PDB file of N, CA and C in Angstrom:
ATOM      1  N   MET A   1      77.134 -62.154 103.824  1.00  0.00           N
ATOM      2  CA  MET A   1      77.565 -60.765 103.733  1.00  0.00           C
ATOM      3  C   MET A   1      78.424 -60.373 104.925  1.00  0.00           C
ATOM      4  N   GLY A   2      79.084 -61.318 105.513  1.00  0.00           N
ATOM      5  CA  GLY A   2      79.868 -61.051 106.702  1.00  0.00           C
ATOM      6  C   GLY A   2      80.961 -60.021 106.508  1.00  0.00           C
ATOM      7  N   GLY A   3      81.595 -59.992 105.349  1.00  0.00           N
ATOM      8  CA  GLY A   3      82.670 -59.049 105.102  1.00  0.00           C
ATOM      9  C   GLY A   3      82.206 -57.628 104.854  1.00  0.00           C
ATOM     10  N   ASP A   4      80.922 -57.482 104.574  1.00  0.00           N
ATOM     11  CA  ASP A   4      80.400 -56.154 104.275  1.00  0.00           C
ATOM     12  C   ASP A   4      80.542 -55.195 105.447  1.00  0.00           C
ATOM     13  N   GLU A   5      80.392 -55.705 106.660  1.00  0.00           N
ATOM     14  CA  GLU A   5      80.493 -54.832 107.830  1.00  0.00           C
ATOM     15  C   GLU A   5      81.885 -54.223 107.946  1.00  0.00           C
ATOM     16  N   GLY A   6      82.909 -55.031 107.667  1.00  0.00           N
ATOM     17  CA  GLY A   6      84.279 -54.531 107.727  1.00  0.00           C
ATOM     18  C   GLY A   6      84.553 -53.490 106.659  1.00  0.00           C
ATOM     19  N   VAL A   7      84.100 -53.774 105.445  1.00  0.00           N
ATOM     20  CA  VAL A   7      84.292 -52.835 104.335  1.00  0.00           C
ATOM     21  C   VAL A   7      83.515 -51.557 104.622  1.00  0.00           C
ATOM     22  N   ALA A   8      82.261 -51.709 105.039  1.00  0.00           N
ATOM     23  CA  ALA A   8      81.424 -50.543 105.332  1.00  0.00           C
ATOM     24  C   ALA A   8      82.050 -49.699 106.435  1.00  0.00           C
ATOM     25  N   GLY A   9      82.568 -50.355 107.450  1.00  0.00           N
ATOM     26  CA  GLY A   9      83.202 -49.630 108.552  1.00  0.00           C
ATOM     27  C   GLY A   9      84.407 -48.826 108.090  1.00  0.00           C
ATOM     28  N   ARG A  10      85.204 -49.420 107.220  1.00  0.00           N
ATOM     29  CA  ARG A  10      86.374 -48.702 106.695  1.00  0.00           C
ATOM     30  C   ARG A  10      85.964 -47.514 105.830  1.00  0.00           C
ATOM     31  N   LEU A  11      84.792 -47.618 105.209  1.00  0.00           N
ATOM     32  CA  LEU A  11      84.288 -46.521 104.384  1.00  0.00           C
ATOM     33  C   LEU A  11      83.498 -45.502 105.198  1.00  0.00           C
ATOM     34  N   GLY A  12      83.289 -45.811 106.477  1.00  0.00           N
ATOM     35  CA  GLY A  12      82.579 -44.887 107.352  1.00  0.00           C
ATOM     36  C   GLY A  12      81.074 -44.890 107.152  1.00  0.00           C
ATOM     37  N   MET A  13      80.521 -46.055 106.815  1.00  0.00           N
ATOM     38  CA  MET A  13      79.069 -46.160 106.622  1.00  0.00           C
ATOM     39  C   MET A  13      78.579 -47.481 107.185  1.00  0.00           C
ATOM     40  N   SER A  14      77.278 -47.611 107.259  1.00  0.00           N
ATOM     41  CA  SER A  14      76.707 -48.865 107.756  1.00  0.00           C
ATOM     42  C   SER A  14      76.706 -49.903 106.637  1.00  0.00           C
ATOM     43  N   ALA A  15      76.592 -51.170 107.024  1.00  0.00           N
ATOM     44  CA  ALA A  15      76.528 -52.245 106.040  1.00  0.00           C
ATOM     45  C   ALA A  15      75.279 -52.090 105.174  1.00  0.00           C
ATOM     46  N   LYS A  16      74.190 -51.604 105.761  1.00  0.00           N
ATOM     47  CA  LYS A  16      72.951 -51.393 105.012  1.00  0.00           C
ATOM     48  C   LYS A  16      73.166 -50.356 103.903  1.00  0.00           C
ATOM     49  N   THR A  17      73.847 -49.265 104.224  1.00  0.00           N
ATOM     50  CA  THR A  17      74.129 -48.238 103.226  1.00  0.00           C
ATOM     51  C   THR A  17      74.994 -48.795 102.107  1.00  0.00           C
ATOM     52  N   LEU A  18      76.007 -49.552 102.456  1.00  0.00           N
ATOM     53  CA  LEU A  18      76.873 -50.160 101.445  1.00  0.00           C
ATOM     54  C   LEU A  18      76.069 -51.077 100.535  1.00  0.00           C
ATOM     55  N   ARG A  19      75.180 -51.894 101.113  1.00  0.00           N
ATOM     56  CA  ARG A  19      74.356 -52.785 100.302  1.00  0.00           C
ATOM     57  C   ARG A  19      73.475 -51.993  99.338  1.00  0.00           C
ATOM     58  N   LYS A  20      72.907 -50.877  99.825  1.00  0.00           N
ATOM     59  CA  LYS A  20      72.074 -50.032  98.953  1.00  0.00           C
ATOM     60  C   LYS A  20      72.903 -49.482  97.796  1.00  0.00           C
ATOM     61  N   TRP A  21      74.123 -49.047  98.077  1.00  0.00           N
ATOM     62  CA  TRP A  21      75.014 -48.514  97.038  1.00  0.00           C
ATOM     63  C   TRP A  21      75.336 -49.588  96.007  1.00  0.00           C
ATOM     64  N   VAL A  22      75.638 -50.799  96.488  1.00  0.00           N
ATOM     65  CA  VAL A  22      75.981 -51.896  95.582  1.00  0.00           C
ATOM     66  C   VAL A  22      74.775 -52.246  94.713  1.00  0.00           C
ATOM     67  N   CYS A  23      73.594 -52.321  95.314  1.00  0.00           N
ATOM     68  CA  CYS A  23      72.384 -52.630  94.549  1.00  0.00           C
ATOM     69  C   CYS A  23      72.116 -51.560  93.498  1.00  0.00           C
ATOM     70  N   GLN A  24      72.288 -50.295  93.862  1.00  0.00           N
ATOM     71  CA  GLN A  24      72.066 -49.209  92.899  1.00  0.00           C
ATOM     72  C   GLN A  24      73.093 -49.271  91.779  1.00  0.00           C
ATOM     73  N   ALA A  25      74.325 -49.608  92.107  1.00  0.00           N
ATOM     74  CA  ALA A  25      75.361 -49.740  91.083  1.00  0.00           C
ATOM     75  C   ALA A  25      75.013 -50.862  90.106  1.00  0.00           C
ATOM     76  N   GLU A  26      74.445 -51.941  90.617  1.00  0.00           N
ATOM     77  CA  GLU A  26      74.039 -53.045  89.749  1.00  0.00           C
ATOM     78  C   GLU A  26      72.924 -52.611  88.803  1.00  0.00           C
ATOM     79  N   VAL A  27      72.003 -51.791  89.293  1.00  0.00           N
ATOM     80  CA  VAL A  27      70.936 -51.255  88.437  1.00  0.00           C
ATOM     81  C   VAL A  27      71.543 -50.315  87.398  1.00  0.00           C
ATOM     82  N   ASP A  28      72.424 -49.425  87.848  1.00  0.00           N
ATOM     83  CA  ASP A  28      73.022 -48.433  86.948  1.00  0.00           C
ATOM     84  C   ASP A  28      73.827 -49.076  85.820  1.00  0.00           C
ATOM     85  N   THR A  29      74.436 -50.218  86.083  1.00  0.00           N
ATOM     86  CA  THR A  29      75.235 -50.898  85.057  1.00  0.00           C
ATOM     87  C   THR A  29      74.412 -51.879  84.231  1.00  0.00           C
ATOM     88  N   GLY A  30      73.128 -52.016  84.545  1.00  0.00           N
ATOM     89  CA  GLY A  30      72.254 -52.889  83.781  1.00  0.00           C
ATOM     90  C   GLY A  30      72.287 -54.345  84.193  1.00  0.00           C
ATOM     91  N   GLU A  31      72.980 -54.644  85.276  1.00  0.00           N
ATOM     92  CA  GLU A  31      73.040 -56.029  85.749  1.00  0.00           C
ATOM     93  C   GLU A  31      71.711 -56.477  86.335  1.00  0.00           C
ATOM     94  N   VAL A  32      70.969 -55.532  86.910  1.00  0.00           N
ATOM     95  CA  VAL A  32      69.701 -55.815  87.573  1.00  0.00           C
ATOM     96  C   VAL A  32      68.682 -54.793  87.086  1.00  0.00           C
ATOM     97  N   ALA A  33      67.440 -55.234  86.923  1.00  0.00           N
ATOM     98  CA  ALA A  33      66.381 -54.313  86.506  1.00  0.00           C
ATOM     99  C   ALA A  33      66.052 -53.344  87.636  1.00  0.00           C
ATOM    100  N   GLY A  34      65.683 -52.131  87.273  1.00  0.00           N
ATOM    101  CA  GLY A  34      65.304 -51.132  88.265  1.00  0.00           C
ATOM    102  C   GLY A  34      65.449 -49.738  87.690  1.00  0.00           C
ATOM    103  N   VAL A  35      65.218 -48.746  88.536  1.00  0.00           N
ATOM    104  CA  VAL A  35      65.315 -47.343  88.126  1.00  0.00           C
ATOM    105  C   VAL A  35      66.741 -46.872  88.372  1.00  0.00           C
ATOM    106  N   SER A  36      67.393 -46.433  87.299  1.00  0.00           N
ATOM    107  CA  SER A  36      68.788 -46.006  87.406  1.00  0.00           C
ATOM    108  C   SER A  36      68.905 -44.677  88.142  1.00  0.00           C
ATOM    109  N   SER A  37      70.095 -44.369  88.578  1.00  0.00           N
ATOM    110  CA  SER A  37      70.359 -43.094  89.249  1.00  0.00           C
ATOM    111  C   SER A  37      70.023 -41.931  88.328  1.00  0.00           C
ATOM    112  N   GLN A  38      70.351 -42.061  87.055  1.00  0.00           N
ATOM    113  CA  GLN A  38      70.069 -41.004  86.088  1.00  0.00           C
ATOM    114  C   GLN A  38      68.558 -40.806  85.940  1.00  0.00           C
ATOM    115  N   GLU A  39      67.812 -41.904  85.885  1.00  0.00           N
ATOM    116  CA  GLU A  39      66.356 -41.807  85.789  1.00  0.00           C
ATOM    117  C   GLU A  39      65.761 -41.190  87.048  1.00  0.00           C
ATOM    118  N   LYS A  40      66.291 -41.564  88.204  1.00  0.00           N
ATOM    119  CA  LYS A  40      65.813 -40.992  89.468  1.00  0.00           C
ATOM    120  C   LYS A  40      66.040 -39.488  89.493  1.00  0.00           C
ATOM    121  N   GLN A  41      67.207 -39.051  89.030  1.00  0.00           N
ATOM    122  CA  GLN A  41      67.518 -37.624  88.989  1.00  0.00           C
ATOM    123  C   GLN A  41      66.572 -36.892  88.039  1.00  0.00           C
ATOM    124  N   HIS A  42      66.311 -37.487  86.895  1.00  0.00           N
ATOM    125  CA  HIS A  42      65.407 -36.882  85.925  1.00  0.00           C
ATOM    126  C   HIS A  42      63.996 -36.755  86.505  1.00  0.00           C
ATOM    127  N   LEU A  43      63.517 -37.807  87.166  1.00  0.00           N
ATOM    128  CA  LEU A  43      62.200 -37.763  87.803  1.00  0.00           C
ATOM    129  C   LEU A  43      62.141 -36.688  88.880  1.00  0.00           C
ATOM    130  N   HIS A  44      63.207 -36.571  89.649  1.00  0.00           N
ATOM    131  CA  HIS A  44      63.274 -35.545  90.691  1.00  0.00           C
ATOM    132  C   HIS A  44      63.136 -34.154  90.073  1.00  0.00           C
ATOM    133  N   GLU A  45      63.852 -33.917  88.977  1.00  0.00           N
ATOM    134  CA  GLU A  45      63.795 -32.616  88.300  1.00  0.00           C
ATOM    135  C   GLU A  45      62.400 -32.351  87.731  1.00  0.00           C
ATOM    136  N   LEU A  46      61.795 -33.379  87.141  1.00  0.00           N
ATOM    137  CA  LEU A  46      60.449 -33.205  86.587  1.00  0.00           C
ATOM    138  C   LEU A  46      59.433 -32.902  87.685  1.00  0.00           C
ATOM    139  N   ARG A  47      59.552 -33.570  88.814  1.00  0.00           N
ATOM    140  CA  ARG A  47      58.635 -33.308  89.930  1.00  0.00           C
ATOM    141  C   ARG A  47      58.817 -31.893  90.469  1.00  0.00           C
ATOM    142  N   ARG A  48      60.063 -31.439  90.537  1.00  0.00           N
ATOM    143  CA  ARG A  48      60.327 -30.072  91.000  1.00  0.00           C
ATOM    144  C   ARG A  48      59.704 -29.067  90.042  1.00  0.00           C
ATOM    145  N   LYS A  49      59.896 -29.278  88.746  1.00  0.00           N
ATOM    146  CA  LYS A  49      59.324 -28.375  87.751  1.00  0.00           C
ATOM    147  C   LYS A  49      57.801 -28.394  87.809  1.00  0.00           C
ATOM    148  N   ASN A  50      57.240 -29.570  88.026  1.00  0.00           N
ATOM    149  CA  ASN A  50      55.799 -29.691  88.127  1.00  0.00           C
ATOM    150  C   ASN A  50      55.265 -28.893  89.328  1.00  0.00           C
ATOM    151  N   ARG A  51      55.964 -28.985  90.466  1.00  0.00           N
ATOM    152  CA  ARG A  51      55.562 -28.208  91.651  1.00  0.00           C
ATOM    153  C   ARG A  51      55.611 -26.714  91.352  1.00  0.00           C
ATOM    154  N   GLU A  52      56.663 -26.282  90.669  1.00  0.00           N
ATOM    155  CA  GLU A  52      56.797 -24.861  90.312  1.00  0.00           C
ATOM    156  C   GLU A  52      55.636 -24.426  89.420  1.00  0.00           C
ATOM    157  N   LEU A  53      55.307 -25.238  88.424  1.00  0.00           N
ATOM    158  CA  LEU A  53      54.218 -24.888  87.521  1.00  0.00           C
ATOM    159  C   LEU A  53      52.881 -24.870  88.244  1.00  0.00           C
ATOM    160  N   GLU A  54      52.683 -25.810  89.165  1.00  0.00           N
ATOM    161  CA  GLU A  54      51.448 -25.828  89.933  1.00  0.00           C
ATOM    162  C   GLU A  54      51.312 -24.565  90.778  1.00  0.00           C
ATOM    163  N   LEU A  55      52.420 -24.137  91.369  1.00  0.00           N
ATOM    164  CA  LEU A  55      52.390 -22.906  92.163  1.00  0.00           C
ATOM    165  C   LEU A  55      52.088 -21.686  91.290  1.00  0.00           C
ATOM    166  N   LEU A  56      52.714 -21.626  90.127  1.00  0.00           N
ATOM    167  CA  LEU A  56      52.498 -20.506  89.219  1.00  0.00           C
ATOM    168  C   LEU A  56      51.080 -20.465  88.684  1.00  0.00           C
ATOM    169  N   SER A  57      50.480 -21.628  88.478  1.00  0.00           N
ATOM    170  CA  SER A  57      49.141 -21.666  87.913  1.00  0.00           C
ATOM    171  C   SER A  57      48.076 -21.210  88.913  1.00  0.00           C
ATOM    172  N   LYS A  58      48.440 -21.188  90.196  1.00  0.00           N
ATOM    173  CA  LYS A  58      47.503 -20.732  91.220  1.00  0.00           C
ATOM    174  C   LYS A  58      47.336 -19.214  91.199  1.00  0.00           C
ATOM    175  N   TYR A  59      48.281 -18.508  90.585  1.00  0.00           N
ATOM    176  CA  TYR A  59      48.254 -17.034  90.614  1.00  0.00           C
ATOM    177  C   TYR A  59      47.845 -16.450  89.317  1.00  0.00           C
TER     178      TYR A  59
END
């Protein structure tokens, strides 16, 4: 991954961040198994709604 540092530097990020982006892109395109960005966003929204409902149920 020697070239990643140069690419990451030109993009203004660390090589670790670039690797995370590439790995997530591979998941999002179905090349690798994992939780897609869309699924992560949906889970985030469901958790937020759940917190709201929990707060409302206390009153």
